[in-house]
């Protein structure tokens, strides 16, 4: 990941409400002016399948970053997700 993130075409956070690390990400980023789609893997089991197929792990939280050129990056670890989203928000 670069120091200055390229603005993504789409952001999706794979998560669920029982996950403390997911809640940490939501709390830390709730005031940011970013459009992040929530994909709850407990309410929609198909989302978990997408996560495993695309990211390689069923672990949450995971941020799916879709670039304007169609490339997709899967970012795991709550602190890394928070840092990325804060850097992105600072660019606005």
Protein backbone atom coordinates (compact mmCIF):
# COMPACT_ATOMS: atom_id res chain seq x y z
CA UNK A 1 0.00 0.00 0.00
CA UNK A 2 1.29 3.45 -0.87
CA UNK A 3 1.67 6.34 1.59
CA UNK A 4 -1.00 8.32 -0.25
CA UNK A 5 -3.89 6.04 -1.20
CA UNK A 6 -5.35 6.36 -4.67
CA UNK A 7 -9.03 7.23 -4.34
CA UNK A 8 -10.97 3.99 -4.74
CA UNK A 9 -13.96 3.39 -6.98
CA UNK A 10 -15.71 1.45 -4.19
CA UNK A 11 -15.11 0.45 -0.57
CA UNK A 12 -16.81 -2.46 1.19
CA UNK A 13 -16.24 -3.52 4.80
CA UNK A 14 -16.87 -7.20 5.51
CA UNK A 15 -17.92 -7.39 9.14
CA UNK A 16 -20.48 -8.54 11.68
CA UNK A 17 -21.92 -6.97 14.82
CA UNK A 18 -20.47 -9.54 17.26
CA UNK A 19 -16.88 -8.83 16.22
CA UNK A 20 -15.07 -6.46 18.59
CA UNK A 21 -12.47 -5.56 15.96
CA UNK A 22 -15.26 -4.68 13.50
CA UNK A 23 -16.82 -2.41 16.12
CA UNK A 24 -13.41 -0.81 16.67
CA UNK A 25 -13.18 0.05 12.95
CA UNK A 26 -16.73 1.48 12.91
CA UNK A 27 -16.13 3.60 16.02
CA UNK A 28 -12.80 4.95 14.76
CA UNK A 29 -14.11 5.86 11.32
CA UNK A 30 -17.74 6.89 11.93
CA UNK A 31 -17.02 10.62 11.66
CA UNK A 32 -15.15 10.32 8.37
CA UNK A 33 -16.83 11.53 5.19
CA UNK A 34 -16.40 8.26 3.30
CA UNK A 35 -18.87 5.98 1.57
CA UNK A 36 -18.12 2.48 2.87
CA UNK A 37 -20.61 -0.30 2.12
CA UNK A 38 -21.22 -2.66 5.05
CA UNK A 39 -21.27 -6.35 4.13
CA UNK A 40 -22.45 -8.38 7.13
CA UNK A 41 -21.22 -11.96 6.80
CA UNK A 42 -23.64 -13.32 9.43
CA UNK A 43 -26.79 -11.81 7.94
CA UNK A 44 -25.77 -12.72 4.38
CA UNK A 45 -23.72 -15.94 4.18
CA UNK A 46 -22.99 -15.23 0.51
CA UNK A 47 -20.87 -12.30 1.67
CA UNK A 48 -18.66 -14.69 3.65
CA UNK A 49 -18.17 -16.79 0.53
CA UNK A 50 -17.15 -13.65 -1.41
CA UNK A 51 -14.69 -12.79 1.35
CA UNK A 52 -13.03 -16.21 1.32
CA UNK A 53 -12.92 -16.41 -2.48
CA UNK A 54 -11.60 -12.88 -2.96
CA UNK A 55 -9.46 -12.28 0.09
CA UNK A 56 -8.41 -15.82 0.86
CA UNK A 57 -9.59 -15.76 4.49
CA UNK A 58 -12.96 -15.63 6.25
CA UNK A 59 -11.60 -13.23 8.87
CA UNK A 60 -13.33 -9.94 9.65
CA UNK A 61 -12.99 -7.04 9.55
CA UNK A 62 -11.77 -6.91 5.98
CA UNK A 63 -11.90 -3.89 3.71
CA UNK A 64 -12.37 -4.60 0.00
CA UNK A 65 -10.82 -1.75 -1.97
CA UNK A 66 -11.83 -1.58 -5.63
CA UNK A 67 -9.61 0.70 -7.70
CA UNK A 68 -10.85 2.73 -10.68
CA UNK A 69 -8.96 0.35 -12.99
CA UNK A 70 -10.89 -2.63 -11.57
CA UNK A 71 -8.06 -4.02 -9.44
CA UNK A 72 -9.13 -5.20 -5.99
CA UNK A 73 -7.15 -5.17 -2.77
CA UNK A 74 -8.26 -6.95 0.41
CA UNK A 75 -7.08 -5.25 3.59
CA UNK A 76 -7.24 -7.20 6.86
CA UNK A 77 -6.45 -6.08 10.42
CA UNK A 78 -8.49 -3.39 12.12
CA UNK A 79 -5.59 -0.96 12.70
CA UNK A 80 -4.51 -1.14 9.05
CA UNK A 81 -8.11 -0.53 7.91
CA UNK A 82 -8.49 2.44 10.26
CA UNK A 83 -5.17 3.95 9.12
CA UNK A 84 -6.10 3.53 5.44
CA UNK A 85 -9.55 5.09 5.85
CA UNK A 86 -8.19 8.02 7.86
CA UNK A 87 -5.53 8.71 5.20
CA UNK A 88 -8.20 8.54 2.53
CA UNK A 89 -10.47 10.93 4.44
CA UNK A 90 -7.60 13.39 4.90
CA UNK A 91 -7.33 13.65 1.09
CA UNK A 92 -10.88 15.00 0.79
